[in-house]
């Protein structure tokens, strides 16, 4: 393993621990050291280091300390929930389903679910939806 490989291998540790500023400083130091190599600034490594450094710099204030969350037994990923949602939605959107959702219907259903979870679905809005359902009037999924 080269010195550059070893230096690159430590960068995820800083990001995992929510230390974006230190990660960017280490990437900058590595970049400065590698600039002494002829042709380095035209290499894929240079381009990738610039991109990852810019991304971490722009998002350093919002990096989550995943190590601390992991130690406390908190979730560090929403992949299980996302996978379940994708499975349900893809099954309902499949062309071979008899009662498949339209794109608009799936979008509206998602908005209603978010409104319920956020406590934003008022009794007045529910009454309007119920009345529209009885009379056959089609309401927009966006509240006025």
C-alpha atoms as a PDB file:
ATOM      1  CA  UNK A   1       0.000   0.000   0.000  1.00  0.00           C
ATOM      2  CA  UNK A   2       1.417   3.369  -0.999  1.00  0.00           C
ATOM      3  CA  UNK A   3       1.489   6.416   1.259  1.00  0.00           C
ATOM      4  CA  UNK A   4      -1.288   7.977  -0.857  1.00  0.00           C
ATOM      5  CA  UNK A   5      -3.425   4.838  -0.479  1.00  0.00           C
ATOM      6  CA  UNK A   6      -2.934   4.887   3.291  1.00  0.00           C
ATOM      7  CA  UNK A   7      -3.837   8.590   3.452  1.00  0.00           C
ATOM      8  CA  UNK A   8      -6.975   8.028   1.380  1.00  0.00           C
ATOM      9  CA  UNK A   9      -8.020   5.079   3.547  1.00  0.00           C
ATOM     10  CA  UNK A  10      -8.267   7.328   6.649  1.00  0.00           C
ATOM     11  CA  UNK A  11     -10.655   9.871   5.089  1.00  0.00           C
ATOM     12  CA  UNK A  12     -13.864   7.854   5.570  1.00  0.00           C
ATOM     13  CA  UNK A  13     -13.099   7.663   9.306  1.00  0.00           C
ATOM     14  CA  UNK A  14     -13.413  11.450   9.605  1.00  0.00           C
ATOM     15  CA  UNK A  15     -16.658  11.525   7.622  1.00  0.00           C
ATOM     16  CA  UNK A  16     -18.091   8.581   9.636  1.00  0.00           C
ATOM     17  CA  UNK A  17     -17.345  10.528  12.838  1.00  0.00           C
ATOM     18  CA  UNK A  18     -18.877  13.782  11.526  1.00  0.00           C
ATOM     19  CA  UNK A  19     -15.561  15.597  11.172  1.00  0.00           C
ATOM     20  CA  UNK A  20     -15.932  17.130   7.722  1.00  0.00           C
ATOM     21  CA  UNK A  21     -13.516  20.000   8.323  1.00  0.00           C
ATOM     22  CA  UNK A  22     -10.675  17.660   9.322  1.00  0.00           C
ATOM     23  CA  UNK A  23     -11.431  15.420   6.363  1.00  0.00           C
ATOM     24  CA  UNK A  24     -11.214  18.345   3.936  1.00  0.00           C
ATOM     25  CA  UNK A  25      -7.920  19.472   5.535  1.00  0.00           C
ATOM     26  CA  UNK A  26      -6.450  15.975   5.141  1.00  0.00           C
ATOM     27  CA  UNK A  27      -7.613  15.750   1.526  1.00  0.00           C
ATOM     28  CA  UNK A  28      -6.050  19.169   0.831  1.00  0.00           C
ATOM     29  CA  UNK A  29      -2.750  18.047   2.404  1.00  0.00           C
ATOM     30  CA  UNK A  30      -2.772  14.868   0.322  1.00  0.00           C
ATOM     31  CA  UNK A  31      -3.581  16.846  -2.802  1.00  0.00           C
ATOM     32  CA  UNK A  32      -0.710  19.258  -2.099  1.00  0.00           C
ATOM     33  CA  UNK A  33       1.703  16.344  -1.610  1.00  0.00           C
ATOM     34  CA  UNK A  34       0.561  14.660  -4.821  1.00  0.00           C
ATOM     35  CA  UNK A  35       0.886  17.865  -6.869  1.00  0.00           C
ATOM     36  CA  UNK A  36       4.656  17.298  -6.864  1.00  0.00           C
ATOM     37  CA  UNK A  37       4.089  14.326  -9.176  1.00  0.00           C
ATOM     38  CA  UNK A  38       4.296  15.108 -12.877  1.00  0.00           C
ATOM     39  CA  UNK A  39       0.915  14.941 -14.595  1.00  0.00           C
ATOM     40  CA  UNK A  40      -0.991  14.395 -11.338  1.00  0.00           C
ATOM     41  CA  UNK A  41      -3.371  17.326 -11.963  1.00  0.00           C
ATOM     42  CA  UNK A  42      -4.598  15.536 -15.108  1.00  0.00           C
ATOM     43  CA  UNK A  43      -5.260  12.215 -13.385  1.00  0.00           C
ATOM     44  CA  UNK A  44      -8.521  10.638 -12.291  1.00  0.00           C
ATOM     45  CA  UNK A  45      -7.313  10.699  -8.671  1.00  0.00           C
ATOM     46  CA  UNK A  46      -6.919  14.491  -8.769  1.00  0.00           C
ATOM     47  CA  UNK A  47     -10.391  14.903 -10.250  1.00  0.00           C
ATOM     48  CA  UNK A  48     -11.954  12.543  -7.687  1.00  0.00           C
ATOM     49  CA  UNK A  49     -10.206  14.245  -4.760  1.00  0.00           C
ATOM     50  CA  UNK A  50     -11.482  17.635  -5.960  1.00  0.00           C
ATOM     51  CA  UNK A  51     -15.039  16.339  -6.204  1.00  0.00           C
ATOM     52  CA  UNK A  52     -15.101  14.595  -2.829  1.00  0.00           C
ATOM     53  CA  UNK A  53     -13.381  17.536  -1.144  1.00  0.00           C
ATOM     54  CA  UNK A  54     -15.961  19.947  -2.589  1.00  0.00           C
ATOM     55  CA  UNK A  55     -18.839  17.699  -1.549  1.00  0.00           C
ATOM     56  CA  UNK A  56     -17.586  17.314   2.021  1.00  0.00           C
ATOM     57  CA  UNK A  57     -16.785  21.044   2.274  1.00  0.00           C
ATOM     58  CA  UNK A  58     -20.308  21.969   1.131  1.00  0.00           C
ATOM     59  CA  UNK A  59     -21.951  19.464   3.488  1.00  0.00           C
ATOM     60  CA  UNK A  60     -19.600  19.573   6.497  1.00  0.00           C
ATOM     61  CA  UNK A  61     -22.177  21.331   8.652  1.00  0.00           C
ATOM     62  CA  UNK A  62     -24.771  18.626   8.093  1.00  0.00           C
ATOM     63  CA  UNK A  63     -22.590  15.527   8.448  1.00  0.00           C
ATOM     64  CA  UNK A  64     -24.014  13.045  10.933  1.00  0.00           C
ATOM     65  CA  UNK A  65     -21.735  11.437  13.501  1.00  0.00           C
ATOM     66  CA  UNK A  66     -22.666   7.889  12.584  1.00  0.00           C
ATOM     67  CA  UNK A  67     -20.208   6.389  15.073  1.00  0.00           C
ATOM     68  CA  UNK A  68     -21.956   8.119  18.001  1.00  0.00           C
ATOM     69  CA  UNK A  69     -25.381   7.073  16.700  1.00  0.00           C
ATOM     70  CA  UNK A  70     -24.147   3.488  16.312  1.00  0.00           C
ATOM     71  CA  UNK A  71     -22.763   3.435  19.885  1.00  0.00           C
ATOM     72  CA  UNK A  72     -26.145   4.646  21.220  1.00  0.00           C
ATOM     73  CA  UNK A  73     -27.984   1.948  19.277  1.00  0.00           C
ATOM     74  CA  UNK A  74     -29.715   4.450  16.986  1.00  0.00           C
ATOM     75  CA  UNK A  75     -30.431   3.816  13.338  1.00  0.00           C
ATOM     76  CA  UNK A  76     -27.693   4.874  10.940  1.00  0.00           C
ATOM     77  CA  UNK A  77     -29.588   4.071   7.766  1.00  0.00           C
ATOM     78  CA  UNK A  78     -33.131   4.264   6.480  1.00  0.00           C
ATOM     79  CA  UNK A  79     -32.503   1.597   3.837  1.00  0.00           C
ATOM     80  CA  UNK A  80     -34.914  -0.929   5.390  1.00  0.00           C
ATOM     81  CA  UNK A  81     -37.801   1.553   5.318  1.00  0.00           C
ATOM     82  CA  UNK A  82     -36.873   2.792   1.840  1.00  0.00           C
ATOM     83  CA  UNK A  83     -36.728  -0.768   0.555  1.00  0.00           C
ATOM     84  CA  UNK A  84     -40.177  -1.545   1.978  1.00  0.00           C
ATOM     85  CA  UNK A  85     -41.661   1.614   0.442  1.00  0.00           C
ATOM     86  CA  UNK A  86     -40.059   0.847  -2.932  1.00  0.00           C
ATOM     87  CA  UNK A  87     -41.451  -2.692  -2.853  1.00  0.00           C
ATOM     88  CA  UNK A  88     -45.013  -1.557  -2.105  1.00  0.00           C
ATOM     89  CA  UNK A  89     -44.971   1.291  -4.615  1.00  0.00           C
ATOM     90  CA  UNK A  90     -43.389  -0.770  -7.401  1.00  0.00           C
ATOM     91  CA  UNK A  91     -45.951  -3.549  -6.878  1.00  0.00           C
ATOM     92  CA  UNK A  92     -48.826  -1.072  -7.057  1.00  0.00           C
ATOM     93  CA  UNK A  93     -47.386   0.724 -10.092  1.00  0.00           C
ATOM     94  CA  UNK A  94     -46.746  -2.477 -12.098  1.00  0.00           C
ATOM     95  CA  UNK A  95     -48.529  -2.597 -15.433  1.00  0.00           C
ATOM     96  CA  UNK A  96     -49.839  -6.122 -14.820  1.00  0.00           C
ATOM     97  CA  UNK A  97     -51.765  -5.108 -11.689  1.00  0.00           C
ATOM     98  CA  UNK A  98     -55.534  -4.939 -12.091  1.00  0.00           C
ATOM     99  CA  UNK A  99     -55.842  -1.981  -9.758  1.00  0.00           C
ATOM    100  CA  UNK A 100     -52.614  -0.134 -10.349  1.00  0.00           C
ATOM    101  CA  UNK A 101     -51.829   3.352  -9.139  1.00  0.00           C
ATOM    102  CA  UNK A 102     -51.379   6.222 -11.527  1.00  0.00           C
ATOM    103  CA  UNK A 103     -48.362   8.488 -11.086  1.00  0.00           C
ATOM    104  CA  UNK A 104     -50.692  11.238  -9.844  1.00  0.00           C
ATOM    105  CA  UNK A 105     -52.462   8.874  -7.454  1.00  0.00           C
ATOM    106  CA  UNK A 106     -49.200   7.618  -5.947  1.00  0.00           C
ATOM    107  CA  UNK A 107     -47.998  11.213  -5.554  1.00  0.00           C
ATOM    108  CA  UNK A 108     -51.226  12.259  -3.832  1.00  0.00           C
ATOM    109  CA  UNK A 109     -51.185   9.215  -1.565  1.00  0.00           C
ATOM    110  CA  UNK A 110     -47.627  10.031  -0.514  1.00  0.00           C
ATOM    111  CA  UNK A 111     -48.636  13.626   0.259  1.00  0.00           C
ATOM    112  CA  UNK A 112     -51.591  12.474   2.360  1.00  0.00           C
ATOM    113  CA  UNK A 113     -49.377  10.063   4.278  1.00  0.00           C
ATOM    114  CA  UNK A 114     -46.820  12.801   4.977  1.00  0.00           C
ATOM    115  CA  UNK A 115     -49.601  15.169   6.088  1.00  0.00           C
ATOM    116  CA  UNK A 116     -50.926  12.499   8.478  1.00  0.00           C
ATOM    117  CA  UNK A 117     -47.462  11.846   9.912  1.00  0.00           C
ATOM    118  CA  UNK A 118     -46.811  15.576  10.341  1.00  0.00           C
ATOM    119  CA  UNK A 119     -50.218  16.183  11.940  1.00  0.00           C
ATOM    120  CA  UNK A 120     -51.148  18.577   9.124  1.00  0.00           C
ATOM    121  CA  UNK A 121     -54.316  16.855   7.925  1.00  0.00           C
ATOM    122  CA  UNK A 122     -57.008  18.983   9.540  1.00  0.00           C
ATOM    123  CA  UNK A 123     -60.596  17.884  10.196  1.00  0.00           C
ATOM    124  CA  UNK A 124     -61.722  20.588   7.731  1.00  0.00           C
ATOM    125  CA  UNK A 125     -59.564  19.129   4.974  1.00  0.00           C
ATOM    126  CA  UNK A 126     -60.856  15.629   5.751  1.00  0.00           C
ATOM    127  CA  UNK A 127     -64.460  16.887   5.551  1.00  0.00           C
ATOM    128  CA  UNK A 128     -63.795  18.443   2.131  1.00  0.00           C
ATOM    129  CA  UNK A 129     -62.250  15.206   0.887  1.00  0.00           C
ATOM    130  CA  UNK A 130     -65.181  13.137   2.197  1.00  0.00           C
ATOM    131  CA  UNK A 131     -67.731  15.487   0.566  1.00  0.00           C
ATOM    132  CA  UNK A 132     -65.849  15.413  -2.730  1.00  0.00           C
ATOM    133  CA  UNK A 133     -65.746  11.634  -2.590  1.00  0.00           C
ATOM    134  CA  UNK A 134     -69.546  11.419  -2.074  1.00  0.00           C
ATOM    135  CA  UNK A 135     -70.347  13.907  -4.825  1.00  0.00           C
ATOM    136  CA  UNK A 136     -67.787  12.593  -7.309  1.00  0.00           C
ATOM    137  CA  UNK A 137     -65.909  15.894  -7.466  1.00  0.00           C
ATOM    138  CA  UNK A 138     -62.224  15.466  -8.083  1.00  0.00           C
ATOM    139  CA  UNK A 139     -60.025  17.555  -5.761  1.00  0.00           C
ATOM    140  CA  UNK A 140     -56.394  18.361  -6.260  1.00  0.00           C
ATOM    141  CA  UNK A 141     -54.069  16.592  -3.878  1.00  0.00           C
ATOM    142  CA  UNK A 142     -52.552  19.993  -3.109  1.00  0.00           C
ATOM    143  CA  UNK A 143     -54.488  21.971  -0.475  1.00  0.00           C
ATOM    144  CA  UNK A 144     -55.563  25.457  -1.540  1.00  0.00           C
END
